[in-house]
Amino acid sequence: IAANADFYVNDAFSAAHRAHATTEGLARVLPAYAGRSMQAELEALEKALGNPVRPVAAVVGGAKVSSKLDVLKHLVAQVDHLIIGGGMANTFLAANDVDVGKSLCEHDLTGTAREILAAADASGCTVHLPYDVVVAKEFAANPPSLRTCNVHEVAADEMILDVGPQAVEALGDVLKTCRTLVWNGPLGAFETTPFDAATVALARTAAALSNDGSLVSVAGGGDTVAALNHAGVAADFSYISTAGGAFLEWMEGKELPGVAVLEA
């Protein structure tokens, strides 16, 4: 491939976590450069975690702690506020001896969750878990069993499906004290009404703060982009990454081969 070219330009950050011939190999045998999209992505990520204006907040949501263990472990040493939502928040609540009923929860990882909480405490990172939640006995749009309650009032036959309004309002106040935000993952089961409420509300707060210039907001990941589009605020964030795996590995603090070879 290199015999056909004089220069190599990589404009695919979304593939930069893979060490392939076209993402890394060519850069070793040709004069190599980052394209404009790659440049914009790296500059945004540098502002978000590389050399951010503090305080820094991170929103991490999604279904399972197991899929984002490395992200959480890395972030507690990097950010001032870690906001945990989605199904993974239930594992952390269970680690704090909260009965989460029938909620999605990785009970086998409560020990790991406690280790992450201890690491956060040691590094001065405040972890925010929901204290009021939206629950239902069945996962469906606007179910008859829908109610909002304190996390300590979840019944044995109920599932936590979203963060409650009081916690969301408090999280909005946290963002107002911050200058940088990294967002990956929704706060609830946002694809199903009304369990999109917390994600939409906090996303709109972040968008408003970004628009008035008080917050640099960087978001990435497939579900995240979908959630921000659903909230109608994707265009208002400072930067939206189109990358999935590469964005996640960057949040884990890993070296991305396709980026590292350009910096060599």
Protein backbone atom coordinates (compact mmCIF):
# COMPACT_ATOMS: atom_id res chain seq x y z
CA ILE A 1 0.00 0.00 0.00
CA ALA A 2 2.78 2.42 0.92
CA ALA A 3 4.34 2.04 -2.54
CA ASN A 4 1.33 3.86 -3.97
CA ALA A 5 1.62 6.98 -1.82
CA ASP A 6 3.92 9.77 -0.79
CA PHE A 7 2.18 10.70 2.46
CA TYR A 8 -0.09 9.03 5.01
CA VAL A 9 -2.99 10.93 6.62
CA ASN A 10 -5.10 9.29 9.32
CA ASP A 11 -8.51 10.90 9.76
CA ALA A 12 -10.19 7.97 11.53
CA PHE A 13 -9.99 8.39 15.30
CA SER A 14 -12.73 5.76 15.63
CA ALA A 15 -10.24 3.13 14.43
CA ALA A 16 -7.20 4.53 16.25
CA HIS A 17 -7.40 1.90 19.02
CA ARG A 18 -6.52 -0.81 16.49
CA ALA A 19 -2.96 -1.52 15.37
CA HIS A 20 -3.65 -2.39 11.72
CA ALA A 21 -1.70 -1.80 8.53
CA THR A 22 -3.97 1.10 7.60
CA THR A 23 -4.18 2.63 11.08
CA GLU A 24 -0.59 2.25 12.27
CA GLY A 25 1.64 0.37 9.83
CA LEU A 26 1.63 2.95 7.04
CA ALA A 27 2.63 5.68 9.49
CA ARG A 28 5.88 3.79 10.11
CA VAL A 29 6.98 3.84 6.45
CA LEU A 30 5.56 7.15 5.15
CA PRO A 31 5.57 10.75 6.39
CA ALA A 32 2.47 10.65 8.59
CA TYR A 33 -0.06 13.30 9.63
CA ALA A 34 -3.38 13.60 11.42
CA GLY A 35 -6.33 14.71 9.29
CA ARG A 36 -8.55 17.63 10.33
CA SER A 37 -11.20 15.40 11.94
CA MET A 38 -8.54 13.50 13.89
CA GLN A 39 -6.98 16.81 14.91
CA ALA A 40 -10.31 18.19 16.15
CA GLU A 41 -10.97 15.01 18.11
CA LEU A 42 -7.56 14.99 19.80
CA GLU A 43 -7.79 18.68 20.66
CA ALA A 44 -11.22 18.12 22.23
CA LEU A 45 -10.02 15.14 24.22
CA GLU A 46 -6.99 17.08 25.44
CA LYS A 47 -9.35 19.75 26.78
CA ALA A 48 -11.53 17.11 28.42
CA LEU A 49 -9.00 14.99 30.32
CA GLY A 50 -5.49 15.69 29.07
CA ASN A 51 -5.17 19.23 30.37
CA PRO A 52 -8.67 20.25 31.50
CA VAL A 53 -9.89 23.35 33.27
CA ARG A 54 -11.03 22.22 36.71
CA PRO A 55 -13.28 21.23 38.34
CA VAL A 56 -13.90 18.26 36.02
CA ALA A 57 -17.02 16.09 36.06
CA ALA A 58 -17.57 12.76 34.33
CA VAL A 59 -20.93 11.15 33.68
CA VAL A 60 -20.65 7.39 33.20
CA GLY A 61 -23.80 5.38 32.56
CA GLY A 62 -24.82 2.20 30.87
CA ALA A 63 -26.01 -1.25 31.83
CA LYS A 64 -23.03 -2.97 33.42
CA VAL A 65 -20.08 -2.07 35.62
CA SER A 66 -18.14 -4.95 34.03
CA SER A 67 -18.05 -3.18 30.65
CA LYS A 68 -16.57 0.00 32.14
CA LEU A 69 -14.42 -1.15 35.03
CA ASP A 70 -11.22 0.27 33.53
CA VAL A 71 -12.98 3.54 32.71
CA LEU A 72 -14.19 3.98 36.29
CA LYS A 73 -10.83 3.03 37.81
CA HIS A 74 -9.03 5.55 35.58
CA LEU A 75 -11.53 8.38 36.02
CA VAL A 76 -11.54 8.45 39.83
CA ALA A 77 -7.92 9.58 39.66
CA GLN A 78 -8.60 12.15 36.94
CA VAL A 79 -11.85 13.94 37.77
CA ASP A 80 -13.31 15.87 40.67
CA HIS A 81 -16.87 14.54 40.33
CA LEU A 82 -17.90 11.11 39.03
CA ILE A 83 -21.61 10.78 38.29
CA ILE A 84 -22.65 7.12 37.94
CA GLY A 85 -25.98 6.25 36.34
CA GLY A 86 -27.72 3.51 34.41
CA GLY A 87 -27.72 -0.11 35.51
CA MET A 88 -24.17 0.19 36.80
CA ALA A 89 -25.34 2.60 39.52
CA ASN A 90 -27.36 -0.28 40.99
CA THR A 91 -24.19 -2.30 41.54
CA PHE A 92 -22.67 0.62 43.44
CA LEU A 93 -25.87 1.07 45.46
CA ALA A 94 -25.79 -2.63 46.33
CA ALA A 95 -22.15 -2.18 47.37
CA ASN A 96 -23.45 0.41 49.84
CA ASP A 97 -25.91 -2.18 51.22
CA VAL A 98 -28.94 -0.75 49.39
CA ASP A 99 -31.55 -3.35 48.43
CA VAL A 100 -32.13 -2.75 44.70
CA GLY A 101 -34.95 -5.30 44.32
CA LYS A 102 -35.18 -6.85 40.83
CA SER A 103 -32.98 -4.16 39.27
CA LEU A 104 -30.22 -5.01 36.83
CA CYS A 105 -27.25 -5.44 39.16
CA GLU A 106 -23.93 -7.28 39.08
CA HIS A 107 -23.90 -8.47 42.68
CA ASP A 108 -20.65 -10.35 42.09
CA LEU A 109 -18.92 -7.01 41.46
CA THR A 110 -19.98 -5.20 44.63
CA GLY A 111 -16.51 -5.80 46.08
CA THR A 112 -14.95 -4.17 43.02
CA ALA A 113 -17.40 -1.28 43.33
CA ARG A 114 -16.29 -0.75 46.94
CA GLU A 115 -12.66 -0.69 45.79
CA ILE A 116 -13.50 1.99 43.21
CA LEU A 117 -15.34 4.03 45.85
CA ALA A 118 -12.33 3.75 48.18
CA ALA A 119 -9.96 4.82 45.39
CA ALA A 120 -12.18 7.80 44.64
CA ASP A 121 -12.18 8.81 48.28
CA ALA A 122 -8.39 8.54 48.42
CA SER A 123 -7.94 10.76 45.37
CA GLY A 124 -10.48 13.39 46.40
CA CYS A 125 -13.05 12.45 43.76
CA THR A 126 -16.70 12.77 44.82
CA VAL A 127 -18.84 9.90 43.51
CA HIS A 128 -22.49 10.78 42.95
CA LEU A 129 -25.06 7.97 43.13
CA PRO A 130 -28.83 8.48 42.88
CA TYR A 131 -30.70 8.89 46.15
CA ASP A 132 -34.15 9.02 44.60
CA VAL A 133 -35.04 6.71 41.74
CA VAL A 134 -37.81 5.92 39.28
CA VAL A 135 -38.99 2.33 39.66
CA ALA A 136 -41.53 -0.06 38.15
CA LYS A 137 -42.48 -3.72 38.46
CA GLU A 138 -42.31 -4.21 34.70
CA PHE A 139 -40.07 -2.70 32.05
CA ALA A 140 -42.49 -1.06 29.65
CA ALA A 141 -43.45 2.43 28.52
CA ASN A 142 -45.42 4.28 31.22
CA PRO A 143 -46.21 1.15 33.27
CA PRO A 144 -49.04 1.29 35.85
CA SER A 145 -46.57 0.40 38.63
CA LEU A 146 -44.41 3.46 37.90
CA ARG A 147 -43.37 5.50 40.94
CA THR A 148 -40.53 7.59 42.32
CA CYS A 149 -39.03 6.77 45.69
CA ASN A 150 -35.95 7.00 47.88
CA VAL A 151 -33.32 4.36 47.04
CA HIS A 152 -33.94 2.77 50.44
CA GLU A 153 -37.64 2.25 49.61
CA VAL A 154 -37.27 0.03 46.52
CA ALA A 155 -39.52 -3.00 46.92
CA ALA A 156 -38.32 -6.55 46.31
CA ASP A 157 -40.41 -6.82 43.11
CA GLU A 158 -39.40 -3.43 41.66
CA MET A 159 -36.68 -2.39 39.21
CA ILE A 160 -34.74 0.88 39.25
CA LEU A 161 -35.04 2.25 35.71
CA ASP A 162 -33.97 5.89 36.01
CA VAL A 163 -32.48 8.49 38.33
CA GLY A 164 -35.10 10.48 40.25
CA PRO A 165 -35.86 14.20 39.76
CA GLN A 166 -34.36 15.37 43.06
CA ALA A 167 -31.03 13.68 42.32
CA VAL A 168 -31.04 15.08 38.77
CA GLU A 169 -31.58 18.60 40.09
CA ALA A 170 -28.68 18.13 42.52
CA LEU A 171 -26.47 16.79 39.70
CA GLY A 172 -27.33 19.87 37.63
CA ASP A 173 -26.09 22.01 40.53
CA VAL A 174 -22.85 19.99 40.52
CA LEU A 175 -22.32 20.68 36.82
CA LYS A 176 -22.82 24.39 37.45
CA THR A 177 -19.73 24.32 39.69
CA CYS A 178 -17.62 22.53 37.06
CA ARG A 179 -15.72 23.80 34.03
CA THR A 180 -15.21 20.54 32.13
CA LEU A 181 -17.49 17.57 31.49
CA VAL A 182 -16.87 14.15 29.93
CA TRP A 183 -20.02 12.11 29.24
CA ASN A 184 -20.31 8.44 28.32
CA GLY A 185 -23.57 6.53 28.74
CA PRO A 186 -27.20 7.35 29.67
CA LEU A 187 -28.50 7.71 33.24
CA GLY A 188 -31.50 5.42 32.71
CA ALA A 189 -33.29 3.22 30.20
CA PHE A 190 -33.64 6.25 27.94
CA GLU A 191 -35.05 4.36 24.95
CA THR A 192 -38.32 3.82 26.85
CA THR A 193 -40.56 6.63 28.13
CA PRO A 194 -40.49 7.95 30.84
CA PHE A 195 -37.10 6.49 31.79
CA ASP A 196 -35.41 9.05 29.54
CA ALA A 197 -36.26 11.93 31.87
CA ALA A 198 -33.02 12.06 33.90
CA THR A 199 -30.73 11.80 30.87
CA VAL A 200 -32.69 14.46 28.99
CA ALA A 201 -32.80 16.85 31.95
CA LEU A 202 -29.09 16.62 32.81
CA ALA A 203 -28.08 16.77 29.15
CA ARG A 204 -30.08 19.97 28.70
CA THR A 205 -28.41 21.49 31.75
CA ALA A 206 -24.97 20.59 30.34
CA ALA A 207 -25.95 22.02 26.96
CA ALA A 208 -27.10 25.31 28.48
CA LEU A 209 -23.85 25.63 30.45
CA SER A 210 -21.87 24.85 27.29
CA ASN A 211 -23.79 27.47 25.33
CA ASP A 212 -23.07 30.21 27.84
CA GLY A 213 -19.36 29.34 27.76
CA SER A 214 -19.01 28.16 31.36
CA LEU A 215 -18.55 24.46 30.55
CA VAL A 216 -16.46 22.50 28.04
CA SER A 217 -18.52 19.38 27.33
CA VAL A 218 -17.20 16.34 25.47
CA ALA A 219 -19.36 13.26 24.90
CA GLY A 220 -18.86 9.99 23.06
CA GLY A 221 -20.12 6.46 22.59
CA GLY A 222 -23.03 5.17 20.53
CA ASP A 223 -25.68 5.19 23.27
CA THR A 224 -24.47 8.58 24.44
CA VAL A 225 -24.81 10.21 21.03
CA ALA A 226 -28.26 8.65 20.61
CA ALA A 227 -29.32 9.93 24.04
CA LEU A 228 -28.07 13.46 23.36
CA ASN A 229 -29.81 13.49 19.98
CA HIS A 230 -32.97 12.28 21.73
CA ALA A 231 -32.64 15.21 24.15
CA GLY A 232 -32.14 17.56 21.21
CA VAL A 233 -28.87 18.93 22.55
CA ALA A 234 -26.10 17.11 20.65
CA ALA A 235 -25.32 20.25 18.65
CA ASP A 236 -24.96 22.27 21.85
CA PHE A 237 -22.18 20.17 23.41
CA SER A 238 -18.65 21.45 22.84
CA TYR A 239 -17.67 18.24 21.06
CA ILE A 240 -19.37 14.96 20.19
CA SER A 241 -17.08 12.06 19.41
CA THR A 242 -18.31 9.61 16.80
CA ALA A 243 -15.96 6.93 18.13
CA GLY A 244 -17.12 3.99 20.21
CA GLY A 245 -14.30 1.65 21.21
CA ALA A 246 -11.58 4.25 20.70
CA PHE A 247 -13.41 6.78 22.89
CA LEU A 248 -13.89 4.16 25.61
CA GLU A 249 -10.21 3.13 25.52
CA TRP A 250 -9.21 6.79 25.69
CA MET A 251 -11.41 7.14 28.80
CA GLU A 252 -9.59 4.11 30.22
CA GLY A 253 -6.29 5.96 29.82
CA LYS A 254 -4.94 3.49 27.28
CA GLU A 255 -2.50 4.38 24.52
CA LEU A 256 -4.19 4.35 21.10
CA PRO A 257 -1.78 2.86 18.51
CA GLY A 258 -3.15 4.97 15.66
CA VAL A 259 -2.54 8.15 17.64
CA ALA A 260 0.75 7.18 19.28
CA VAL A 261 2.44 6.47 15.94
CA LEU A 262 1.53 9.98 14.72
CA GLU A 263 3.12 11.50 17.81
CA ALA A 264 6.33 9.45 17.52
